[in-house]
N, C-alpha and C. Protein backbone atom coordinates (compact mmCIF):
# COMPACT_ATOMS: atom_id res chain seq x y z
N PRO A 1 0.82 -1.20 0.00
CA PRO A 1 0.00 0.00 0.00
C PRO A 1 0.86 1.27 0.00
N ILE A 2 0.33 2.31 -0.55
CA ILE A 2 1.03 3.59 -0.65
C ILE A 2 0.17 4.66 -0.01
N VAL A 3 0.78 5.51 0.81
CA VAL A 3 0.09 6.65 1.41
C VAL A 3 0.81 7.91 0.94
N ILE A 4 0.06 8.81 0.32
CA ILE A 4 0.60 10.07 -0.18
C ILE A 4 0.35 11.16 0.85
N LEU A 5 1.41 11.91 1.17
CA LEU A 5 1.33 12.99 2.16
C LEU A 5 1.45 14.32 1.42
N PRO A 6 0.37 15.09 1.35
CA PRO A 6 0.39 16.37 0.63
C PRO A 6 1.40 17.36 1.20
N GLY A 7 1.93 18.17 0.30
CA GLY A 7 2.88 19.21 0.68
C GLY A 7 2.20 20.45 1.20
N PHE A 8 2.99 21.37 1.70
CA PHE A 8 2.52 22.59 2.34
C PHE A 8 1.55 23.35 1.44
N LEU A 9 0.38 23.68 2.01
CA LEU A 9 -0.72 24.40 1.36
C LEU A 9 -1.33 23.65 0.18
N ASN A 10 -1.02 22.37 0.04
CA ASN A 10 -1.68 21.53 -0.95
C ASN A 10 -2.75 20.71 -0.26
N THR A 11 -3.80 20.42 -0.97
CA THR A 11 -4.88 19.60 -0.43
C THR A 11 -4.77 18.19 -0.99
N ASP A 12 -5.52 17.28 -0.39
CA ASP A 12 -5.52 15.91 -0.90
C ASP A 12 -6.00 15.87 -2.35
N ALA A 13 -6.91 16.76 -2.73
CA ALA A 13 -7.41 16.79 -4.11
C ALA A 13 -6.29 17.08 -5.11
N SER A 14 -5.26 17.79 -4.68
CA SER A 14 -4.13 18.11 -5.56
C SER A 14 -3.38 16.86 -6.01
N TYR A 15 -3.56 15.75 -5.30
CA TYR A 15 -2.80 14.53 -5.57
C TYR A 15 -3.66 13.42 -6.16
N ALA A 16 -4.92 13.71 -6.46
CA ALA A 16 -5.82 12.68 -7.00
C ALA A 16 -5.32 12.15 -8.34
N SER A 17 -4.88 13.03 -9.23
CA SER A 17 -4.42 12.55 -10.54
C SER A 17 -3.11 11.76 -10.39
N MET A 18 -2.27 12.16 -9.45
CA MET A 18 -1.04 11.40 -9.19
C MET A 18 -1.39 9.98 -8.74
N ALA A 19 -2.34 9.86 -7.84
CA ALA A 19 -2.75 8.54 -7.35
C ALA A 19 -3.34 7.70 -8.48
N THR A 20 -4.15 8.32 -9.32
CA THR A 20 -4.74 7.60 -10.45
C THR A 20 -3.66 7.13 -11.42
N ASN A 21 -2.73 8.01 -11.75
CA ASN A 21 -1.65 7.65 -12.67
C ASN A 21 -0.75 6.57 -12.08
N LEU A 22 -0.47 6.66 -10.81
CA LEU A 22 0.35 5.66 -10.15
C LEU A 22 -0.35 4.31 -10.16
N ASN A 23 -1.64 4.32 -9.89
CA ASN A 23 -2.42 3.10 -9.89
C ASN A 23 -2.43 2.46 -11.29
N THR A 24 -2.59 3.29 -12.32
CA THR A 24 -2.57 2.80 -13.70
C THR A 24 -1.22 2.17 -14.01
N TRP A 25 -0.15 2.84 -13.63
CA TRP A 25 1.19 2.33 -13.87
C TRP A 25 1.41 1.00 -13.16
N ILE A 26 0.98 0.91 -11.91
CA ILE A 26 1.14 -0.32 -11.13
C ILE A 26 0.43 -1.48 -11.82
N HIS A 27 -0.81 -1.25 -12.26
CA HIS A 27 -1.56 -2.31 -12.93
C HIS A 27 -0.95 -2.68 -14.27
N GLN A 28 -0.34 -1.73 -14.92
CA GLN A 28 0.27 -1.98 -16.23
C GLN A 28 1.55 -2.80 -16.12
N TYR A 29 2.32 -2.56 -15.08
CA TYR A 29 3.64 -3.17 -15.00
C TYR A 29 3.81 -4.22 -13.91
N THR A 30 2.82 -4.40 -13.05
CA THR A 30 2.93 -5.41 -11.99
C THR A 30 1.59 -6.12 -11.84
N ASP A 31 1.60 -7.18 -11.08
CA ASP A 31 0.35 -7.87 -10.74
C ASP A 31 0.12 -7.80 -9.24
N ASP A 32 0.69 -6.80 -8.61
CA ASP A 32 0.61 -6.64 -7.16
C ASP A 32 -0.63 -5.83 -6.79
N ALA A 33 -1.71 -6.52 -6.48
CA ALA A 33 -2.97 -5.84 -6.15
C ALA A 33 -2.87 -5.03 -4.86
N CYS A 34 -2.06 -5.47 -3.92
CA CYS A 34 -1.94 -4.75 -2.65
C CYS A 34 -1.25 -3.40 -2.83
N THR A 35 -0.28 -3.35 -3.73
CA THR A 35 0.42 -2.09 -3.96
C THR A 35 -0.52 -1.06 -4.57
N SER A 36 -1.56 -1.52 -5.25
CA SER A 36 -2.47 -0.57 -5.88
C SER A 36 -3.44 0.07 -4.88
N ASP A 37 -3.31 -0.28 -3.61
CA ASP A 37 -4.09 0.39 -2.56
C ASP A 37 -3.37 1.70 -2.25
N ILE A 38 -3.83 2.77 -2.89
CA ILE A 38 -3.18 4.08 -2.75
C ILE A 38 -4.12 5.00 -2.00
N ARG A 39 -3.63 5.58 -0.93
CA ARG A 39 -4.43 6.49 -0.12
C ARG A 39 -3.73 7.84 -0.05
N ILE A 40 -4.52 8.86 0.12
CA ILE A 40 -4.00 10.22 0.27
C ILE A 40 -4.49 10.75 1.62
N VAL A 41 -3.58 11.30 2.41
CA VAL A 41 -3.98 11.90 3.68
C VAL A 41 -4.90 13.07 3.37
N LYS A 42 -6.10 13.04 3.94
CA LYS A 42 -7.08 14.10 3.70
C LYS A 42 -6.66 15.37 4.43
N PHE A 43 -6.46 16.43 3.64
CA PHE A 43 -6.04 17.70 4.23
C PHE A 43 -6.54 18.83 3.35
N SER A 44 -7.15 19.82 3.97
CA SER A 44 -7.74 20.94 3.23
C SER A 44 -6.96 22.23 3.51
N LEU A 45 -7.28 23.27 2.78
CA LEU A 45 -6.66 24.57 3.06
C LEU A 45 -7.03 25.06 4.46
N ARG A 46 -8.25 24.79 4.88
CA ARG A 46 -8.67 25.15 6.24
C ARG A 46 -7.79 24.44 7.28
N ASP A 47 -7.45 23.18 7.00
CA ASP A 47 -6.55 22.46 7.90
C ASP A 47 -5.18 23.11 7.95
N TRP A 48 -4.68 23.53 6.79
CA TRP A 48 -3.37 24.19 6.76
C TRP A 48 -3.40 25.50 7.54
N ILE A 49 -4.50 26.22 7.48
CA ILE A 49 -4.62 27.47 8.24
C ILE A 49 -4.54 27.18 9.74
N LYS A 50 -5.19 26.09 10.18
CA LYS A 50 -5.09 25.69 11.59
C LYS A 50 -3.65 25.38 11.96
N VAL A 51 -2.94 24.71 11.05
CA VAL A 51 -1.53 24.39 11.32
C VAL A 51 -0.71 25.66 11.44
N ILE A 52 -0.93 26.59 10.52
CA ILE A 52 -0.17 27.85 10.53
C ILE A 52 -0.46 28.65 11.79
N LEU A 53 -1.73 28.77 12.15
CA LEU A 53 -2.10 29.55 13.33
C LEU A 53 -1.72 28.86 14.63
N GLY A 54 -1.81 27.53 14.64
CA GLY A 54 -1.50 26.78 15.85
C GLY A 54 -0.03 26.48 16.03
N GLY A 55 0.72 26.51 14.94
CA GLY A 55 2.15 26.31 15.03
C GLY A 55 2.62 24.88 15.20
N ASP A 56 1.73 23.91 15.02
CA ASP A 56 2.22 22.53 15.10
C ASP A 56 1.50 21.63 14.09
N MET A 57 2.05 20.46 13.89
CA MET A 57 1.58 19.53 12.86
C MET A 57 0.74 18.38 13.43
N THR A 58 0.26 18.51 14.64
CA THR A 58 -0.47 17.42 15.28
C THR A 58 -1.67 16.96 14.47
N VAL A 59 -2.44 17.88 13.93
CA VAL A 59 -3.64 17.48 13.18
C VAL A 59 -3.24 16.65 11.95
N TYR A 60 -2.16 17.02 11.29
CA TYR A 60 -1.69 16.27 10.12
C TYR A 60 -1.19 14.88 10.56
N LEU A 61 -0.39 14.84 11.62
CA LEU A 61 0.13 13.57 12.11
C LEU A 61 -1.00 12.64 12.56
N ASP A 62 -2.02 13.19 13.19
CA ASP A 62 -3.16 12.38 13.61
C ASP A 62 -3.88 11.79 12.40
N ARG A 63 -4.05 12.59 11.35
CA ARG A 63 -4.69 12.08 10.13
C ARG A 63 -3.85 10.99 9.48
N LEU A 64 -2.55 11.21 9.44
CA LEU A 64 -1.65 10.21 8.88
C LEU A 64 -1.73 8.91 9.68
N GLU A 65 -1.74 9.03 10.98
CA GLU A 65 -1.85 7.85 11.84
C GLU A 65 -3.14 7.08 11.55
N GLU A 66 -4.24 7.80 11.36
CA GLU A 66 -5.52 7.15 11.04
C GLU A 66 -5.43 6.37 9.73
N VAL A 67 -4.83 6.98 8.72
CA VAL A 67 -4.72 6.32 7.41
C VAL A 67 -3.83 5.08 7.51
N VAL A 68 -2.67 5.21 8.13
CA VAL A 68 -1.75 4.08 8.24
C VAL A 68 -2.36 2.96 9.07
N THR A 69 -3.04 3.30 10.14
CA THR A 69 -3.71 2.29 10.96
C THR A 69 -4.77 1.56 10.14
N ASP A 70 -5.55 2.30 9.36
CA ASP A 70 -6.56 1.68 8.51
C ASP A 70 -5.94 0.76 7.47
N VAL A 71 -4.82 1.17 6.90
CA VAL A 71 -4.12 0.31 5.93
C VAL A 71 -3.68 -0.98 6.60
N PHE A 72 -3.08 -0.87 7.79
CA PHE A 72 -2.65 -2.08 8.51
C PHE A 72 -3.83 -2.98 8.83
N GLU A 73 -4.94 -2.40 9.25
CA GLU A 73 -6.13 -3.21 9.56
C GLU A 73 -6.69 -3.86 8.30
N THR A 74 -6.67 -3.15 7.19
CA THR A 74 -7.19 -3.69 5.93
C THR A 74 -6.35 -4.86 5.44
N HIS A 75 -5.03 -4.75 5.56
CA HIS A 75 -4.13 -5.76 5.01
C HIS A 75 -3.51 -6.67 6.06
N GLY A 76 -3.99 -6.59 7.27
CA GLY A 76 -3.52 -7.48 8.31
C GLY A 76 -2.13 -7.15 8.85
N GLY A 77 -1.61 -5.99 8.51
CA GLY A 77 -0.31 -5.59 9.01
C GLY A 77 0.87 -6.36 8.44
N ASP A 78 0.62 -7.18 7.41
CA ASP A 78 1.68 -8.01 6.85
C ASP A 78 2.44 -7.36 5.70
N LEU A 79 1.97 -6.24 5.22
CA LEU A 79 2.58 -5.60 4.06
C LEU A 79 3.27 -4.30 4.44
N PRO A 80 4.35 -3.96 3.76
CA PRO A 80 4.97 -2.66 4.03
C PRO A 80 4.08 -1.53 3.51
N VAL A 81 4.03 -0.46 4.26
CA VAL A 81 3.31 0.73 3.83
C VAL A 81 4.35 1.73 3.35
N ARG A 82 4.18 2.20 2.12
CA ARG A 82 5.12 3.15 1.54
C ARG A 82 4.55 4.56 1.69
N LEU A 83 5.30 5.42 2.37
CA LEU A 83 4.90 6.81 2.51
C LEU A 83 5.57 7.62 1.41
N VAL A 84 4.77 8.38 0.67
CA VAL A 84 5.30 9.25 -0.38
C VAL A 84 4.95 10.67 0.02
N GLY A 85 5.96 11.41 0.46
CA GLY A 85 5.73 12.77 0.95
C GLY A 85 6.26 13.81 0.00
N HIS A 86 5.43 14.79 -0.28
CA HIS A 86 5.84 15.92 -1.11
C HIS A 86 6.10 17.12 -0.20
N SER A 87 7.26 17.72 -0.31
CA SER A 87 7.59 18.94 0.41
C SER A 87 7.37 18.73 1.91
N ALA A 88 6.51 19.52 2.53
CA ALA A 88 6.24 19.39 3.96
C ALA A 88 5.71 18.00 4.32
N GLY A 89 5.07 17.35 3.37
CA GLY A 89 4.59 15.99 3.61
C GLY A 89 5.74 15.03 3.92
N GLY A 90 6.89 15.24 3.27
CA GLY A 90 8.06 14.42 3.57
C GLY A 90 8.59 14.69 4.96
N TRP A 91 8.61 15.95 5.34
CA TRP A 91 9.06 16.32 6.67
C TRP A 91 8.12 15.74 7.74
N ILE A 92 6.83 15.82 7.49
CA ILE A 92 5.85 15.28 8.44
C ILE A 92 5.96 13.76 8.51
N GLY A 93 6.22 13.13 7.37
CA GLY A 93 6.45 11.69 7.37
C GLY A 93 7.63 11.30 8.24
N ARG A 94 8.69 12.11 8.22
CA ARG A 94 9.85 11.86 9.08
C ARG A 94 9.48 12.00 10.55
N LEU A 95 8.65 12.99 10.88
CA LEU A 95 8.18 13.13 12.27
C LEU A 95 7.40 11.88 12.68
N PHE A 96 6.55 11.42 11.79
CA PHE A 96 5.70 10.26 12.07
C PHE A 96 6.53 8.99 12.31
N LEU A 97 7.56 8.82 11.53
CA LEU A 97 8.38 7.62 11.65
C LEU A 97 9.46 7.72 12.71
N GLY A 98 9.68 8.91 13.21
CA GLY A 98 10.76 9.13 14.16
C GLY A 98 10.53 8.49 15.52
N SER A 99 11.61 8.40 16.26
CA SER A 99 11.53 7.76 17.58
C SER A 99 11.23 8.76 18.70
N ALA A 100 11.36 10.05 18.40
CA ALA A 100 11.11 11.07 19.43
C ALA A 100 9.63 11.48 19.41
N PRO A 101 9.05 11.71 20.58
CA PRO A 101 7.65 12.17 20.62
C PRO A 101 7.51 13.56 19.98
N TYR A 102 6.31 13.83 19.47
CA TYR A 102 6.00 15.15 18.94
C TYR A 102 4.82 15.70 19.72
N GLN A 103 4.99 16.84 20.36
CA GLN A 103 3.95 17.44 21.21
C GLN A 103 3.46 16.43 22.24
N GLN A 104 4.38 15.74 22.89
CA GLN A 104 4.12 14.75 23.93
C GLN A 104 3.40 13.49 23.42
N LYS A 105 3.29 13.30 22.11
CA LYS A 105 2.67 12.08 21.60
C LYS A 105 3.71 11.28 20.84
N ASP A 106 3.73 10.00 21.14
CA ASP A 106 4.65 9.08 20.46
C ASP A 106 3.93 8.53 19.23
N TYR A 107 4.31 8.99 18.06
CA TYR A 107 3.74 8.46 16.83
C TYR A 107 4.55 7.24 16.46
N GLY A 108 5.33 7.28 15.43
CA GLY A 108 6.17 6.15 15.07
C GLY A 108 5.37 4.93 14.72
N VAL A 109 5.93 4.06 13.91
CA VAL A 109 5.20 2.90 13.43
C VAL A 109 4.86 1.90 14.53
N LYS A 110 5.53 1.95 15.64
CA LYS A 110 5.23 0.98 16.69
C LYS A 110 3.82 1.17 17.25
N ASN A 111 3.21 2.33 17.05
CA ASN A 111 1.86 2.59 17.57
C ASN A 111 0.75 2.24 16.58
N CYS A 112 1.11 1.84 15.39
CA CYS A 112 0.09 1.58 14.37
C CYS A 112 -0.31 0.13 14.36
């Protein structure tokens, strides 16, 4: 499975065509049905405004955690989840995978 993390001031809708094209490519060149499970972290401009005004990425990290947890539940936790982060999405992905807590919350894959 693949999870796309939108970049700064981009919404999940900005990545819909990327997900569609990636899915088409996967089906064209592989027979891996699980890899074609492509999700995009839902994030709106209103969400980005909250991030800017609040000064932290907790809302984004919480959404990412929900998506990754759902992917693990869907596939039984036996498959690797590939995070594809654009711009700030890559930085947030690093926070999510890191071993240090963020705003007193331990994210990291061990919690998923």
